[in-house]
Amino acid sequence: NSKTLQKAGYFAAAMPIDVMNEAEFKHAITTCTIEIAKA
């Protein structure tokens, strides 16, 4: 029921990141957190 979550899911499915890999997840979440805070 959410356009935003649908879009996020689309991007998540296409990401080259394995979120189950600890190092990849931590790097990705850190980058996203910093960029959102800057914005």
ModelCIF file with pLDDT and N, C-alpha, C, O atoms, coordinates in Angstrom:
data_MODEL
#
_entry.id   MODEL 
#
_entity.id                         1 
_entity.type                       polymer 
_entity.pdbx_number_of_molecules   1 
#
_entity_poly.entity_id                      1 
_entity_poly.type                           'polypeptide(L)' 
_entity_poly.nstd_linkage                   no 
_entity_poly.nstd_monomer                   no 
_entity_poly.pdbx_seq_one_letter_code       NSKTLQKAGYFAAAMPIDVMNEAEFKHAITTCTIEIAKA 
_entity_poly.pdbx_seq_one_letter_code_can   NSKTLQKAGYFAAAMPIDVMNEAEFKHAITTCTIEIAKA 
_entity_poly.pdbx_strand_id                 A 
#
loop_
_entity_poly_seq.entity_id 
_entity_poly_seq.num 
_entity_poly_seq.mon_id 
_entity_poly_seq.hetero 
1 1  ASN n 
1 2  SER n 
1 3  LYS n 
1 4  THR n 
1 5  LEU n 
1 6  GLN n 
1 7  LYS n 
1 8  ALA n 
1 9  GLY n 
1 10 TYR n 
1 11 PHE n 
1 12 ALA n 
1 13 ALA n 
1 14 ALA n 
1 15 MET n 
1 16 PRO n 
1 17 ILE n 
1 18 ASP n 
1 19 VAL n 
1 20 MET n 
1 21 ASN n 
1 22 GLU n 
1 23 ALA n 
1 24 GLU n 
1 25 PHE n 
1 26 LYS n 
1 27 HIS n 
1 28 ALA n 
1 29 ILE n 
1 30 THR n 
1 31 THR n 
1 32 CYS n 
1 33 THR n 
1 34 ILE n 
1 35 GLU n 
1 36 ILE n 
1 37 ALA n 
1 38 LYS n 
1 39 ALA n 
#
_struct_asym.id          A 
_struct_asym.entity_id   1 
#
loop_
_ma_qa_metric.id 
_ma_qa_metric.mode 
_ma_qa_metric.name 
_ma_qa_metric.software_group_id 
_ma_qa_metric.type 
1 global pLDDT . pLDDT 
2 local  pLDDT . pLDDT 
#
_ma_qa_metric_global.metric_id      1 
_ma_qa_metric_global.metric_value   91.36 
_ma_qa_metric_global.model_id       1 
_ma_qa_metric_global.ordinal_id     1 
#
loop_
_ma_qa_metric_local.label_asym_id 
_ma_qa_metric_local.label_comp_id 
_ma_qa_metric_local.label_seq_id 
_ma_qa_metric_local.metric_id 
_ma_qa_metric_local.metric_value 
_ma_qa_metric_local.model_id 
_ma_qa_metric_local.ordinal_id 
A ASN 1  2 85.00 1 1  
A SER 2  2 86.00 1 2  
A LYS 3  2 89.00 1 3  
A THR 4  2 87.00 1 4  
A LEU 5  2 80.00 1 5  
A GLN 6  2 85.00 1 6  
A LYS 7  2 90.00 1 7  
A ALA 8  2 87.00 1 8  
A GLY 9  2 85.00 1 9  
A TYR 10 2 90.00 1 10 
A PHE 11 2 91.00 1 11 
A ALA 12 2 89.00 1 12 
A ALA 13 2 91.00 1 13 
A ALA 14 2 94.00 1 14 
A MET 15 2 92.00 1 15 
A PRO 16 2 93.00 1 16 
A ILE 17 2 92.00 1 17 
A ASP 18 2 92.00 1 18 
A VAL 19 2 89.00 1 19 
A MET 20 2 93.00 1 20 
A ASN 21 2 95.00 1 21 
A GLU 22 2 92.00 1 22 
A ALA 23 2 93.00 1 23 
A GLU 24 2 94.00 1 24 
A PHE 25 2 93.00 1 25 
A LYS 26 2 93.00 1 26 
A HIS 27 2 93.00 1 27 
A ALA 28 2 94.00 1 28 
A ILE 29 2 93.00 1 29 
A THR 30 2 93.00 1 30 
A THR 31 2 94.00 1 31 
A CYS 32 2 93.00 1 32 
A THR 33 2 94.00 1 33 
A ILE 34 2 94.00 1 34 
A GLU 35 2 95.00 1 35 
A ILE 36 2 94.00 1 36 
A ALA 37 2 94.00 1 37 
A LYS 38 2 96.00 1 38 
A ALA 39 2 96.00 1 39 
#
loop_
_atom_site.group_PDB 
_atom_site.id 
_atom_site.type_symbol 
_atom_site.label_atom_id 
_atom_site.label_alt_id 
_atom_site.label_comp_id 
_atom_site.label_asym_id 
_atom_site.label_entity_id 
_atom_site.label_seq_id 
_atom_site.pdbx_PDB_ins_code 
_atom_site.Cartn_x 
_atom_site.Cartn_y 
_atom_site.Cartn_z 
_atom_site.occupancy 
_atom_site.B_iso_or_equiv 
_atom_site.pdbx_formal_charge 
_atom_site.auth_seq_id 
_atom_site.auth_comp_id 
_atom_site.auth_asym_id 
_atom_site.auth_atom_id 
_atom_site.pdbx_PDB_model_num 
ATOM 1   N N  . ASN A 1 1  ? 0.793  -1.228  0.000  1.00 85.00 ? 1  ASN A N  1 
ATOM 2   C CA . ASN A 1 1  ? 0.000  0.000   0.000  1.00 85.00 ? 1  ASN A CA 1 
ATOM 3   C C  . ASN A 1 1  ? 0.826  1.280   0.000  1.00 85.00 ? 1  ASN A C  1 
ATOM 4   O O  . ASN A 1 1  ? 0.260  2.371   0.055  1.00 85.00 ? 1  ASN A O  1 
ATOM 5   N N  . SER A 1 2  ? 2.135  1.173   -0.060 1.00 86.00 ? 2  SER A N  1 
ATOM 6   C CA . SER A 1 2  ? 2.986  2.352   0.008  1.00 86.00 ? 2  SER A CA 1 
ATOM 7   C C  . SER A 1 2  ? 3.825  2.510   -1.260 1.00 86.00 ? 2  SER A C  1 
ATOM 8   O O  . SER A 1 2  ? 4.594  1.621   -1.626 1.00 86.00 ? 2  SER A O  1 
ATOM 9   N N  . LYS A 1 3  ? 3.663  3.656   -1.920 1.00 89.00 ? 3  LYS A N  1 
ATOM 10  C CA . LYS A 1 3  ? 4.492  3.944   -3.101 1.00 89.00 ? 3  LYS A CA 1 
ATOM 11  C C  . LYS A 1 3  ? 5.967  4.037   -2.717 1.00 89.00 ? 3  LYS A C  1 
ATOM 12  O O  . LYS A 1 3  ? 6.840  3.580   -3.454 1.00 89.00 ? 3  LYS A O  1 
ATOM 13  N N  . THR A 1 4  ? 6.230  4.626   -1.571 1.00 87.00 ? 4  THR A N  1 
ATOM 14  C CA . THR A 1 4  ? 7.607  4.789   -1.115 1.00 87.00 ? 4  THR A CA 1 
ATOM 15  C C  . THR A 1 4  ? 8.261  3.446   -0.833 1.00 87.00 ? 4  THR A C  1 
ATOM 16  O O  . THR A 1 4  ? 9.398  3.211   -1.244 1.00 87.00 ? 4  THR A O  1 
ATOM 17  N N  . LEU A 1 5  ? 7.548  2.557   -0.131 1.00 80.00 ? 5  LEU A N  1 
ATOM 18  C CA . LEU A 1 5  ? 8.109  1.242   0.170  1.00 80.00 ? 5  LEU A CA 1 
ATOM 19  C C  . LEU A 1 5  ? 8.232  0.387   -1.085 1.00 80.00 ? 5  LEU A C  1 
ATOM 20  O O  . LEU A 1 5  ? 9.152  -0.423  -1.194 1.00 80.00 ? 5  LEU A O  1 
ATOM 21  N N  . GLN A 1 6  ? 7.325  0.558   -2.022 1.00 85.00 ? 6  GLN A N  1 
ATOM 22  C CA . GLN A 1 6  ? 7.435  -0.152  -3.295 1.00 85.00 ? 6  GLN A CA 1 
ATOM 23  C C  . GLN A 1 6  ? 8.706  0.281   -4.022 1.00 85.00 ? 6  GLN A C  1 
ATOM 24  O O  . GLN A 1 6  ? 9.447  -0.552  -4.543 1.00 85.00 ? 6  GLN A O  1 
ATOM 25  N N  . LYS A 1 7  ? 8.948  1.580   -4.051 1.00 90.00 ? 7  LYS A N  1 
ATOM 26  C CA . LYS A 1 7  ? 10.141 2.103   -4.705 1.00 90.00 ? 7  LYS A CA 1 
ATOM 27  C C  . LYS A 1 7  ? 11.404 1.613   -3.992 1.00 90.00 ? 7  LYS A C  1 
ATOM 28  O O  . LYS A 1 7  ? 12.372 1.209   -4.637 1.00 90.00 ? 7  LYS A O  1 
ATOM 29  N N  . ALA A 1 8  ? 11.385 1.651   -2.660 1.00 87.00 ? 8  ALA A N  1 
ATOM 30  C CA . ALA A 1 8  ? 12.529 1.177   -1.887 1.00 87.00 ? 8  ALA A CA 1 
ATOM 31  C C  . ALA A 1 8  ? 12.775 -0.313  -2.139 1.00 87.00 ? 8  ALA A C  1 
ATOM 32  O O  . ALA A 1 8  ? 13.921 -0.744  -2.267 1.00 87.00 ? 8  ALA A O  1 
ATOM 33  N N  . GLY A 1 9  ? 11.712 -1.085  -2.209 1.00 85.00 ? 9  GLY A N  1 
ATOM 34  C CA . GLY A 1 9  ? 11.840 -2.508  -2.485 1.00 85.00 ? 9  GLY A CA 1 
ATOM 35  C C  . GLY A 1 9  ? 12.421 -2.773  -3.861 1.00 85.00 ? 9  GLY A C  1 
ATOM 36  O O  . GLY A 1 9  ? 13.232 -3.681  -4.042 1.00 85.00 ? 9  GLY A O  1 
ATOM 37  N N  . TYR A 1 10 ? 12.003 -1.978  -4.820 1.00 90.00 ? 10 TYR A N  1 
ATOM 38  C CA . TYR A 1 10 ? 12.539 -2.090  -6.179 1.00 90.00 ? 10 TYR A CA 1 
ATOM 39  C C  . TYR A 1 10 ? 14.052 -1.843  -6.166 1.00 90.00 ? 10 TYR A C  1 
ATOM 40  O O  . TYR A 1 10 ? 14.825 -2.602  -6.750 1.00 90.00 ? 10 TYR A O  1 
ATOM 41  N N  . PHE A 1 11 ? 14.455 -0.754  -5.481 1.00 91.00 ? 11 PHE A N  1 
ATOM 42  C CA . PHE A 1 11 ? 15.878 -0.437  -5.402 1.00 91.00 ? 11 PHE A CA 1 
ATOM 43  C C  . PHE A 1 11 ? 16.638 -1.515  -4.623 1.00 91.00 ? 11 PHE A C  1 
ATOM 44  O O  . PHE A 1 11 ? 17.745 -1.895  -5.007 1.00 91.00 ? 11 PHE A O  1 
ATOM 45  N N  . ALA A 1 12 ? 16.048 -2.003  -3.538 1.00 89.00 ? 12 ALA A N  1 
ATOM 46  C CA . ALA A 1 12 ? 16.697 -3.037  -2.720 1.00 89.00 ? 12 ALA A CA 1 
ATOM 47  C C  . ALA A 1 12 ? 16.955 -4.298  -3.537 1.00 89.00 ? 12 ALA A C  1 
ATOM 48  O O  . ALA A 1 12 ? 18.017 -4.911  -3.430 1.00 89.00 ? 12 ALA A O  1 
ATOM 49  N N  . ALA A 1 13 ? 15.980 -4.675  -4.348 1.00 91.00 ? 13 ALA A N  1 
ATOM 50  C CA . ALA A 1 13 ? 16.121 -5.880  -5.163 1.00 91.00 ? 13 ALA A CA 1 
ATOM 51  C C  . ALA A 1 13 ? 17.220 -5.726  -6.213 1.00 91.00 ? 13 ALA A C  1 
ATOM 52  O O  . ALA A 1 13 ? 17.840 -6.709  -6.618 1.00 91.00 ? 13 ALA A O  1 
ATOM 53  N N  . ALA A 1 14 ? 17.458 -4.489  -6.651 1.00 94.00 ? 14 ALA A N  1 
ATOM 54  C CA . ALA A 1 14 ? 18.442 -4.239  -7.698 1.00 94.00 ? 14 ALA A CA 1 
ATOM 55  C C  . ALA A 1 14 ? 19.838 -3.909  -7.166 1.00 94.00 ? 14 ALA A C  1 
ATOM 56  O O  . ALA A 1 14 ? 20.795 -3.854  -7.937 1.00 94.00 ? 14 ALA A O  1 
ATOM 57  N N  . MET A 1 15 ? 19.961 -3.689  -5.853 1.00 92.00 ? 15 MET A N  1 
ATOM 58  C CA . MET A 1 15 ? 21.256 -3.296  -5.280 1.00 92.00 ? 15 MET A CA 1 
ATOM 59  C C  . MET A 1 15 ? 22.281 -4.419  -5.401 1.00 92.00 ? 15 MET A C  1 
ATOM 60  O O  . MET A 1 15 ? 21.952 -5.593  -5.230 1.00 92.00 ? 15 MET A O  1 
ATOM 61  N N  . PRO A 1 16 ? 23.510 -4.052  -5.696 1.00 93.00 ? 16 PRO A N  1 
ATOM 62  C CA . PRO A 1 16 ? 24.567 -5.065  -5.771 1.00 93.00 ? 16 PRO A CA 1 
ATOM 63  C C  . PRO A 1 16 ? 25.147 -5.395  -4.395 1.00 93.00 ? 16 PRO A C  1 
ATOM 64  O O  . PRO A 1 16 ? 26.232 -5.970  -4.302 1.00 93.00 ? 16 PRO A O  1 
ATOM 65  N N  . ILE A 1 17 ? 24.439 -5.040  -3.340 1.00 92.00 ? 17 ILE A N  1 
ATOM 66  C CA . ILE A 1 17 ? 24.916 -5.231  -1.980 1.00 92.00 ? 17 ILE A CA 1 
ATOM 67  C C  . ILE A 1 17 ? 24.200 -6.429  -1.355 1.00 92.00 ? 17 ILE A C  1 
ATOM 68  O O  . ILE A 1 17 ? 22.983 -6.572  -1.474 1.00 92.00 ? 17 ILE A O  1 
ATOM 69  N N  . ASP A 1 18 ? 24.968 -7.277  -0.694 1.00 92.00 ? 18 ASP A N  1 
ATOM 70  C CA . ASP A 1 18 ? 24.398 -8.390  0.046  1.00 92.00 ? 18 ASP A CA 1 
ATOM 71  C C  . ASP A 1 18 ? 24.207 -7.925  1.485  1.00 92.00 ? 18 ASP A C  1 
ATOM 72  O O  . ASP A 1 18 ? 25.160 -7.903  2.264  1.00 92.00 ? 18 ASP A O  1 
ATOM 73  N N  . VAL A 1 19 ? 22.982 -7.556  1.838  1.00 89.00 ? 19 VAL A N  1 
ATOM 74  C CA . VAL A 1 19 ? 22.732 -7.023  3.177  1.00 89.00 ? 19 VAL A CA 1 
ATOM 75  C C  . VAL A 1 19 ? 22.915 -8.072  4.266  1.00 89.00 ? 19 VAL A C  1 
ATOM 76  O O  . VAL A 1 19 ? 22.958 -7.732  5.448  1.00 89.00 ? 19 VAL A O  1 
ATOM 77  N N  . MET A 1 20 ? 23.022 -9.316  3.892  1.00 93.00 ? 20 MET A N  1 
ATOM 78  C CA . MET A 1 20 ? 23.277 -10.370 4.869  1.00 93.00 ? 20 MET A CA 1 
ATOM 79  C C  . MET A 1 20 ? 24.775 -10.511 5.129  1.00 93.00 ? 20 MET A C  1 
ATOM 80  O O  . MET A 1 20 ? 25.179 -11.219 6.052  1.00 93.00 ? 20 MET A O  1 
ATOM 81  N N  . ASN A 1 21 ? 25.599 -9.844  4.325  1.00 95.00 ? 21 ASN A N  1 
ATOM 82  C CA . ASN A 1 21 ? 27.039 -9.803  4.547  1.00 95.00 ? 21 ASN A CA 1 
ATOM 83  C C  . ASN A 1 21 ? 27.307 -8.632  5.485  1.00 95.00 ? 21 ASN A C  1 
ATOM 84  O O  . ASN A 1 21 ? 27.039 -7.481  5.139  1.00 95.00 ? 21 ASN A O  1 
ATOM 85  N N  . GLU A 1 22 ? 27.829 -8.919  6.659  1.00 92.00 ? 22 GLU A N  1 
ATOM 86  C CA . GLU A 1 22 ? 28.014 -7.910  7.704  1.00 92.00 ? 22 GLU A CA 1 
ATOM 87  C C  . GLU A 1 22 ? 28.793 -6.685  7.232  1.00 92.00 ? 22 GLU A C  1 
ATOM 88  O O  . GLU A 1 22 ? 28.369 -5.554  7.471  1.00 92.00 ? 22 GLU A O  1 
ATOM 89  N N  . ALA A 1 23 ? 29.912 -6.894  6.573  1.00 93.00 ? 23 ALA A N  1 
ATOM 90  C CA . ALA A 1 23 ? 30.753 -5.776  6.129  1.00 93.00 ? 23 ALA A CA 1 
ATOM 91  C C  . ALA A 1 23 ? 30.056 -4.930  5.072  1.00 93.00 ? 23 ALA A C  1 
ATOM 92  O O  . ALA A 1 23 ? 30.101 -3.702  5.129  1.00 93.00 ? 23 ALA A O  1 
ATOM 93  N N  . GLU A 1 24 ? 29.415 -5.577  4.113  1.00 94.00 ? 24 GLU A N  1 
ATOM 94  C CA . GLU A 1 24 ? 28.703 -4.840  3.061  1.00 94.00 ? 24 GLU A CA 1 
ATOM 95  C C  . GLU A 1 24 ? 27.545 -4.052  3.648  1.00 94.00 ? 24 GLU A C  1 
ATOM 96  O O  . GLU A 1 24 ? 27.326 -2.897  3.284  1.00 94.00 ? 24 GLU A O  1 
ATOM 97  N N  . PHE A 1 25 ? 26.799 -4.676  4.560  1.00 93.00 ? 25 PHE A N  1 
ATOM 98  C CA . PHE A 1 25 ? 25.667 -3.995  5.177  1.00 93.00 ? 25 PHE A CA 1 
ATOM 99  C C  . PHE A 1 25 ? 26.131 -2.774  5.964  1.00 93.00 ? 25 PHE A C  1 
ATOM 100 O O  . PHE A 1 25 ? 25.565 -1.689  5.829  1.00 93.00 ? 25 PHE A O  1 
ATOM 101 N N  . LYS A 1 26 ? 27.160 -2.956  6.785  1.00 93.00 ? 26 LYS A N  1 
ATOM 102 C CA . LYS A 1 26 ? 27.638 -1.850  7.614  1.00 93.00 ? 26 LYS A CA 1 
ATOM 103 C C  . LYS A 1 26 ? 28.126 -0.689  6.752  1.00 93.00 ? 26 LYS A C  1 
ATOM 104 O O  . LYS A 1 26 ? 27.849 0.470   7.060  1.00 93.00 ? 26 LYS A O  1 
ATOM 105 N N  . HIS A 1 27 ? 28.843 -0.989  5.683  1.00 93.00 ? 27 HIS A N  1 
ATOM 106 C CA . HIS A 1 27 ? 29.316 0.068   4.786  1.00 93.00 ? 27 HIS A CA 1 
ATOM 107 C C  . HIS A 1 27 ? 28.129 0.803   4.148  1.00 93.00 ? 27 HIS A C  1 
ATOM 108 O O  . HIS A 1 27 ? 28.106 2.034   4.111  1.00 93.00 ? 27 HIS A O  1 
ATOM 109 N N  . ALA A 1 28 ? 27.156 0.055   3.652  1.00 94.00 ? 28 ALA A N  1 
ATOM 110 C CA . ALA A 1 28 ? 26.006 0.663   2.981  1.00 94.00 ? 28 ALA A CA 1 
ATOM 111 C C  . ALA A 1 28 ? 25.173 1.498   3.946  1.00 94.00 ? 28 ALA A C  1 
ATOM 112 O O  . ALA A 1 28 ? 24.786 2.618   3.615  1.00 94.00 ? 28 ALA A O  1 
ATOM 113 N N  . ILE A 1 29 ? 24.895 0.971   5.127  1.00 93.00 ? 29 ILE A N  1 
ATOM 114 C CA . ILE A 1 29 ? 24.044 1.704   6.080  1.00 93.00 ? 29 ILE A CA 1 
ATOM 115 C C  . ILE A 1 29 ? 24.764 2.947   6.599  1.00 93.00 ? 29 ILE A C  1 
ATOM 116 O O  . ILE A 1 29 ? 24.132 3.971   6.859  1.00 93.00 ? 29 ILE A O  1 
ATOM 117 N N  . THR A 1 30 ? 26.074 2.858   6.747  1.00 93.00 ? 30 THR A N  1 
ATOM 118 C CA . THR A 1 30 ? 26.852 4.024   7.179  1.00 93.00 ? 30 THR A CA 1 
ATOM 119 C C  . THR A 1 30 ? 26.812 5.121   6.118  1.00 93.00 ? 30 THR A C  1 
ATOM 120 O O  . THR A 1 30 ? 26.590 6.290   6.435  1.00 93.00 ? 30 THR A O  1 
ATOM 121 N N  . THR A 1 31 ? 27.027 4.742   4.866  1.00 94.00 ? 31 THR A N  1 
ATOM 122 C CA . THR A 1 31 ? 26.984 5.714   3.769  1.00 94.00 ? 31 THR A CA 1 
ATOM 123 C C  . THR A 1 31 ? 25.616 6.370   3.677  1.00 94.00 ? 31 THR A C  1 
ATOM 124 O O  . THR A 1 31 ? 25.523 7.592   3.561  1.00 94.00 ? 31 THR A O  1 
ATOM 125 N N  . CYS A 1 32 ? 24.563 5.582   3.726  1.00 93.00 ? 32 CYS A N  1 
ATOM 126 C CA . CYS A 1 32 ? 23.201 6.122   3.640  1.00 93.00 ? 32 CYS A CA 1 
ATOM 127 C C  . CYS A 1 32 ? 22.896 7.050   4.811  1.00 93.00 ? 32 CYS A C  1 
ATOM 128 O O  . CYS A 1 32 ? 22.309 8.116   4.624  1.00 93.00 ? 32 CYS A O  1 
ATOM 129 N N  . THR A 1 33 ? 23.289 6.653   6.004  1.00 94.00 ? 33 THR A N  1 
ATOM 130 C CA . THR A 1 33 ? 23.033 7.468   7.195  1.00 94.00 ? 33 THR A CA 1 
ATOM 131 C C  . THR A 1 33 ? 23.714 8.825   7.077  1.00 94.00 ? 33 THR A C  1 
ATOM 132 O O  . THR A 1 33 ? 23.103 9.857   7.356  1.00 94.00 ? 33 THR A O  1 
ATOM 133 N N  . ILE A 1 34 ? 24.963 8.825   6.667  1.00 94.00 ? 34 ILE A N  1 
ATOM 134 C CA . ILE A 1 34 ? 25.708 10.082  6.519  1.00 94.00 ? 34 ILE A CA 1 
ATOM 135 C C  . ILE A 1 34 ? 25.066 10.969  5.455  1.00 94.00 ? 34 ILE A C  1 
ATOM 136 O O  . ILE A 1 34 ? 24.897 12.168  5.672  1.00 94.00 ? 34 ILE A O  1 
ATOM 137 N N  . GLU A 1 35 ? 24.712 10.399  4.324  1.00 95.00 ? 35 GLU A N  1 
ATOM 138 C CA . GLU A 1 35 ? 24.131 11.195  3.233  1.00 95.00 ? 35 GLU A CA 1 
ATOM 139 C C  . GLU A 1 35 ? 22.758 11.749  3.601  1.00 95.00 ? 35 GLU A C  1 
ATOM 140 O O  . GLU A 1 35 ? 22.437 12.882  3.244  1.00 95.00 ? 35 GLU A O  1 
ATOM 141 N N  . ILE A 1 36 ? 21.951 10.975  4.303  1.00 94.00 ? 36 ILE A N  1 
ATOM 142 C CA . ILE A 1 36 ? 20.638 11.471  4.742  1.00 94.00 ? 36 ILE A CA 1 
ATOM 143 C C  . ILE A 1 36 ? 20.818 12.602  5.742  1.00 94.00 ? 36 ILE A C  1 
ATOM 144 O O  . ILE A 1 36 ? 20.124 13.615  5.661  1.00 94.00 ? 36 ILE A O  1 
ATOM 145 N N  . ALA A 1 37 ? 21.741 12.441  6.685  1.00 94.00 ? 37 ALA A N  1 
ATOM 146 C CA . ALA A 1 37 ? 21.998 13.502  7.662  1.00 94.00 ? 37 ALA A CA 1 
ATOM 147 C C  . ALA A 1 37 ? 22.478 14.779  6.977  1.00 94.00 ? 37 ALA A C  1 
ATOM 148 O O  . ALA A 1 37 ? 22.041 15.875  7.328  1.00 94.00 ? 37 ALA A O  1 
ATOM 149 N N  . LYS A 1 38 ? 23.367 14.643  6.010  1.00 96.00 ? 38 LYS A N  1 
ATOM 150 C CA . LYS A 1 38 ? 23.839 15.820  5.260  1.00 96.00 ? 38 LYS A CA 1 
ATOM 151 C C  . LYS A 1 38 ? 22.685 16.511  4.538  1.00 96.00 ? 38 LYS A C  1 
ATOM 152 O O  . LYS A 1 38 ? 22.606 17.739  4.517  1.00 96.00 ? 38 LYS A O  1 
ATOM 153 N N  . ALA A 1 39 ? 21.796 15.724  3.951  1.00 96.00 ? 39 ALA A N  1 
ATOM 154 C CA . ALA A 1 39 ? 20.658 16.300  3.223  1.00 96.00 ? 39 ALA A CA 1 
ATOM 155 C C  . ALA A 1 39 ? 19.706 17.021  4.168  1.00 96.00 ? 39 ALA A C  1 
ATOM 156 O O  . ALA A 1 39 ? 18.694 17.566  3.728  1.00 96.00 ? 39 ALA A O  1 
#
